[in-house]
Amino acid sequence: MRIDWIVAVVIFLMFAGWAFAYHSLFSAGKIVSRSESAFLAGEKIIDYMQVELSSVPANFSSGSDLDNVTLWAYMDWTGNEKNSTRIVKGHLSNESLPCVISGDKVYWNASLSTGNNFFFIEYAELNKPLNCNQNVPQSDENQTTLWAVEYKDIFSTAKNSQVCGQMNNSYALTKDEIGVTFDFNVLVETDSDVLTCGSAVPKTGREIFVYPATGALFEGGGMNISMRLWL
């Protein structure tokens, strides 16, 4: 009889231990699932805030070192891409060269080295004033050779202002447009500005997921983003 009682106690403890372990694993799985869902929601918000930057390599071969040379290229813009167009020399440069747009041609002034000189004509679909409006001679003598366009996602102060305005004034509609179930707000910090985007405020006791991100700005410099998401 004593042996049966001991066996029953052991079986009960084993069952209780198994149930506790199963419950712990299930609960942990729920937490991980919510965390992953918050991460995916954060990725959608980041994508919504970015713009697609088009970068067209333009090559000109020079027989000698030259200063103050006017170069040009024929472009096929759509929408607001023309207004945001800028010319940089090399991928690592954020300094725009003097340029002017006339019809479907962009002209810019540059110094050349002997051999191949690569420039990048960059633009994005941004609603902003015309960037290439400097006093550059419009000579058709030195046409550059364009290579295949390259694409990458980038942040922009112009897009930040637009998106933050939408999040603050039409939060529910913007949330549906992004396609997330989480409520959220976003803090955007640049070298010159701080924006708080999203009118939602978490209620007491909600589990809040913080999603930070950084990135380069089309206008130059960088920005930091801190998102808070909750259900």
Protein backbone atom coordinates (compact mmCIF):
# COMPACT_ATOMS: atom_id res chain seq x y z
CA MET A 1 0.00 0.00 0.00
CA ARG A 2 2.82 2.37 0.96
CA ILE A 3 4.54 1.57 -2.36
CA ASP A 4 1.37 2.37 -4.33
CA TRP A 5 1.10 5.73 -2.51
CA ILE A 6 4.74 6.57 -3.30
CA VAL A 7 4.28 5.62 -6.98
CA ALA A 8 1.15 7.80 -7.19
CA VAL A 9 3.02 10.78 -5.70
CA VAL A 10 5.91 10.33 -8.13
CA ILE A 11 3.54 10.13 -11.13
CA PHE A 12 1.68 13.23 -9.93
CA LEU A 13 4.93 15.20 -9.54
CA MET A 14 6.11 14.09 -12.98
CA PHE A 15 2.81 15.18 -14.54
CA ALA A 16 2.89 18.54 -12.71
CA GLY A 17 6.48 19.14 -13.81
CA TRP A 18 5.65 18.31 -17.43
CA ALA A 19 2.60 20.63 -17.36
CA PHE A 20 4.66 23.48 -15.89
CA ALA A 21 7.40 23.03 -18.49
CA TYR A 22 4.85 22.93 -21.33
CA HIS A 23 3.14 26.08 -20.03
CA SER A 24 6.51 27.88 -19.74
CA LEU A 25 7.52 26.95 -23.27
CA PHE A 26 4.12 27.97 -24.64
CA SER A 27 4.25 31.33 -22.86
CA ALA A 28 7.79 31.96 -24.07
CA GLY A 29 6.67 31.11 -27.59
CA LYS A 30 3.91 33.71 -27.35
CA ILE A 31 6.40 36.38 -26.22
CA VAL A 32 8.82 35.55 -29.01
CA SER A 33 5.97 35.61 -31.50
CA ARG A 34 4.87 39.09 -30.37
CA SER A 35 8.46 40.33 -30.45
CA GLU A 36 8.97 39.02 -33.97
CA SER A 37 5.66 40.53 -35.04
CA ALA A 38 6.73 43.91 -33.61
CA PHE A 39 10.02 43.65 -35.50
CA LEU A 40 8.18 42.96 -38.78
CA ALA A 41 5.84 45.87 -38.09
CA GLY A 42 8.86 48.10 -37.49
CA GLU A 43 10.33 47.00 -40.82
CA LYS A 44 7.09 48.00 -42.58
CA ILE A 45 7.18 51.44 -40.95
CA ILE A 46 10.82 51.89 -42.01
CA ASP A 47 9.96 50.93 -45.60
CA TYR A 48 7.08 53.41 -45.56
CA MET A 49 9.36 56.23 -44.41
CA GLN A 50 12.07 55.61 -47.02
CA VAL A 51 12.28 56.68 -50.66
CA GLU A 52 13.90 54.88 -53.57
CA LEU A 53 17.06 56.65 -54.68
CA SER A 54 18.02 56.25 -58.33
CA SER A 55 21.71 56.69 -59.07
CA VAL A 56 22.91 56.83 -62.69
CA PRO A 57 26.70 56.50 -63.22
CA ALA A 58 27.98 58.99 -65.81
CA ASN A 59 31.47 58.51 -67.23
CA PHE A 60 33.65 60.97 -69.11
CA SER A 61 37.15 60.10 -70.36
CA SER A 62 39.57 63.04 -70.33
CA GLY A 63 42.95 63.22 -72.08
CA SER A 64 44.36 65.58 -69.44
CA ASP A 65 43.66 67.27 -66.12
CA LEU A 66 41.11 70.05 -66.63
CA ASP A 67 39.23 72.56 -64.45
CA ASN A 68 35.78 74.10 -64.83
CA VAL A 69 34.55 71.77 -67.56
CA THR A 70 30.85 71.60 -68.47
CA LEU A 71 29.51 68.05 -68.82
CA TRP A 72 25.99 66.95 -69.67
CA ALA A 73 23.67 63.98 -69.95
CA TYR A 74 20.24 63.26 -71.38
CA MET A 75 17.77 62.10 -68.71
CA ASP A 76 14.36 60.45 -68.74
CA TRP A 77 12.68 61.67 -65.55
CA THR A 78 9.14 61.06 -64.32
CA GLY A 79 7.05 62.87 -61.70
CA ASN A 80 9.05 64.96 -59.22
CA GLU A 81 12.37 63.23 -59.93
CA LYS A 82 13.70 66.17 -61.92
CA ASN A 83 13.37 68.59 -58.98
CA SER A 84 15.46 66.44 -56.63
CA THR A 85 18.25 65.70 -59.15
CA ARG A 86 21.80 66.31 -57.97
CA ILE A 87 25.28 65.42 -59.28
CA VAL A 88 28.01 63.97 -57.06
CA LYS A 89 31.49 62.74 -57.94
CA GLY A 90 31.96 59.29 -56.45
CA HIS A 91 29.63 57.27 -54.23
CA LEU A 92 31.31 58.49 -51.06
CA SER A 93 30.62 62.17 -51.74
CA ASN A 94 27.59 64.03 -50.40
CA GLU A 95 28.69 67.31 -51.95
CA SER A 96 26.56 68.30 -54.93
CA LEU A 97 28.27 69.83 -57.96
CA PRO A 98 26.88 73.01 -59.59
CA CYS A 99 24.23 71.97 -62.11
CA VAL A 100 21.35 73.25 -64.20
CA ILE A 101 18.49 71.50 -66.01
CA SER A 102 17.26 72.48 -69.45
CA GLY A 103 14.48 70.34 -70.86
CA ASP A 104 15.60 66.70 -70.63
CA LYS A 105 19.27 67.54 -70.23
CA VAL A 106 21.26 68.15 -67.07
CA TYR A 107 24.52 70.13 -67.20
CA TRP A 108 27.12 70.31 -64.47
CA ASN A 109 30.50 71.89 -63.86
CA ALA A 110 33.43 69.77 -62.70
CA SER A 111 37.19 69.35 -62.60
CA LEU A 112 38.55 66.35 -64.51
CA SER A 113 41.50 64.03 -64.03
CA THR A 114 43.32 62.24 -66.83
CA GLY A 115 41.43 59.05 -67.68
CA ASN A 116 37.92 58.00 -66.67
CA ASN A 117 35.93 60.34 -64.43
CA PHE A 118 32.79 58.92 -62.82
CA PHE A 119 29.90 61.05 -61.63
CA PHE A 120 26.53 59.98 -60.27
CA ILE A 121 23.25 61.60 -61.23
CA GLU A 122 21.00 60.97 -58.23
CA TYR A 123 17.29 61.62 -57.85
CA ALA A 124 14.19 60.42 -56.01
CA GLU A 125 10.43 60.93 -56.15
CA LEU A 126 10.35 63.85 -53.71
CA ASN A 127 8.16 66.92 -53.59
CA LYS A 128 10.76 69.65 -53.20
CA PRO A 129 12.06 72.77 -55.02
CA LEU A 130 14.34 72.41 -58.04
CA ASN A 131 17.86 71.59 -56.89
CA CYS A 132 19.78 72.01 -60.17
CA ASN A 133 19.29 75.73 -60.74
CA GLN A 134 22.85 77.12 -60.66
CA ASN A 135 24.52 79.26 -63.31
CA VAL A 136 26.28 76.62 -65.41
CA PRO A 137 27.16 77.15 -69.13
CA GLN A 138 24.96 74.95 -71.32
CA SER A 139 27.45 73.52 -73.80
CA ASP A 140 26.68 70.30 -75.68
CA GLU A 141 30.34 69.59 -76.34
CA ASN A 142 31.13 67.11 -73.55
CA GLN A 143 28.42 64.44 -73.35
CA THR A 144 28.90 61.77 -70.72
CA THR A 145 28.30 58.04 -71.15
CA LEU A 146 25.54 56.75 -68.87
CA TRP A 147 25.65 53.34 -67.25
CA ALA A 148 22.77 51.25 -65.85
CA VAL A 149 20.77 52.93 -63.10
CA GLU A 150 21.34 51.70 -59.55
CA TYR A 151 18.65 51.71 -56.84
CA LYS A 152 18.72 51.85 -53.06
CA ASP A 153 16.39 52.88 -50.25
CA ILE A 154 17.24 56.02 -48.33
CA PHE A 155 15.69 58.47 -45.88
CA SER A 156 14.91 62.08 -46.70
CA THR A 157 14.03 65.12 -44.60
CA ALA A 158 11.33 65.96 -47.16
CA LYS A 159 9.77 62.48 -46.80
CA ASN A 160 10.11 62.66 -42.99
CA SER A 161 8.01 65.82 -42.88
CA GLN A 162 5.41 64.32 -45.21
CA VAL A 163 5.09 61.01 -43.35
CA CYS A 164 5.10 62.58 -39.89
CA GLY A 165 2.34 64.93 -40.98
CA GLN A 166 0.27 61.94 -42.13
CA MET A 167 0.92 60.01 -38.91
CA ASN A 168 -0.09 62.97 -36.75
CA ASN A 169 -3.12 64.11 -38.73
CA SER A 170 -4.46 60.81 -40.10
CA TYR A 171 -3.01 58.16 -37.79
CA ALA A 172 -5.63 55.45 -38.36
CA LEU A 173 -5.54 55.83 -42.15
CA THR A 174 -1.72 55.82 -42.20
CA LYS A 175 -1.65 52.72 -39.98
CA ASP A 176 -3.98 50.91 -42.41
CA GLU A 177 -1.91 52.08 -45.38
CA ILE A 178 1.29 50.72 -43.82
CA GLY A 179 -0.54 47.49 -42.99
CA VAL A 180 0.32 46.97 -39.30
CA THR A 181 -1.88 45.90 -36.37
CA PHE A 182 0.45 47.32 -33.73
CA ASP A 183 -0.08 50.83 -32.44
CA PHE A 184 3.09 52.90 -32.62
CA ASN A 185 4.80 56.25 -32.43
CA VAL A 186 8.13 57.27 -33.94
CA LEU A 187 10.88 59.65 -32.83
CA VAL A 188 13.05 60.96 -35.69
CA GLU A 189 16.32 62.75 -34.94
CA THR A 190 18.51 64.41 -37.57
CA ASP A 191 21.39 66.86 -37.28
CA SER A 192 18.98 69.78 -37.62
CA ASP A 193 15.59 68.59 -36.41
CA VAL A 194 13.63 66.32 -34.06
CA LEU A 195 10.20 65.02 -35.09
CA THR A 196 7.63 63.07 -33.09
CA CYS A 197 5.40 61.09 -35.44
CA GLY A 198 2.18 59.28 -34.56
CA SER A 199 -0.56 60.39 -32.19
CA ALA A 200 -0.98 57.06 -30.39
CA VAL A 201 -0.04 56.82 -26.68
CA PRO A 202 0.31 53.40 -24.98
CA LYS A 203 -2.05 52.61 -22.10
CA THR A 204 -0.67 51.62 -18.71
CA GLY A 205 0.41 48.01 -18.50
CA ARG A 206 0.92 47.43 -22.21
CA GLU A 207 4.01 45.52 -23.29
CA ILE A 208 6.06 47.99 -25.38
CA PHE A 209 8.60 46.92 -27.99
CA VAL A 210 11.31 49.45 -28.89
CA TYR A 211 12.74 49.26 -32.40
CA PRO A 212 15.73 51.54 -33.19
CA ALA A 213 17.12 52.22 -36.67
CA THR A 214 19.65 54.51 -38.34
CA GLY A 215 20.20 55.57 -41.93
CA ALA A 216 21.63 58.08 -44.38
CA LEU A 217 19.68 61.12 -45.58
CA PHE A 218 19.29 62.07 -49.23
CA GLU A 219 20.07 65.68 -48.28
CA GLY A 220 23.31 64.61 -46.53
CA GLY A 221 24.10 63.47 -43.01
CA GLY A 222 22.21 60.78 -41.14
CA MET A 223 19.25 60.21 -38.86
CA ASN A 224 18.24 58.06 -35.91
CA ILE A 225 14.79 56.52 -35.49
CA SER A 226 13.25 55.13 -32.32
CA MET A 227 9.91 53.35 -32.70
CA ARG A 228 7.67 52.18 -29.86
CA LEU A 229 5.15 49.50 -30.77
CA TRP A 230 2.43 47.83 -28.68
CA LEU A 231 -0.82 45.89 -28.97
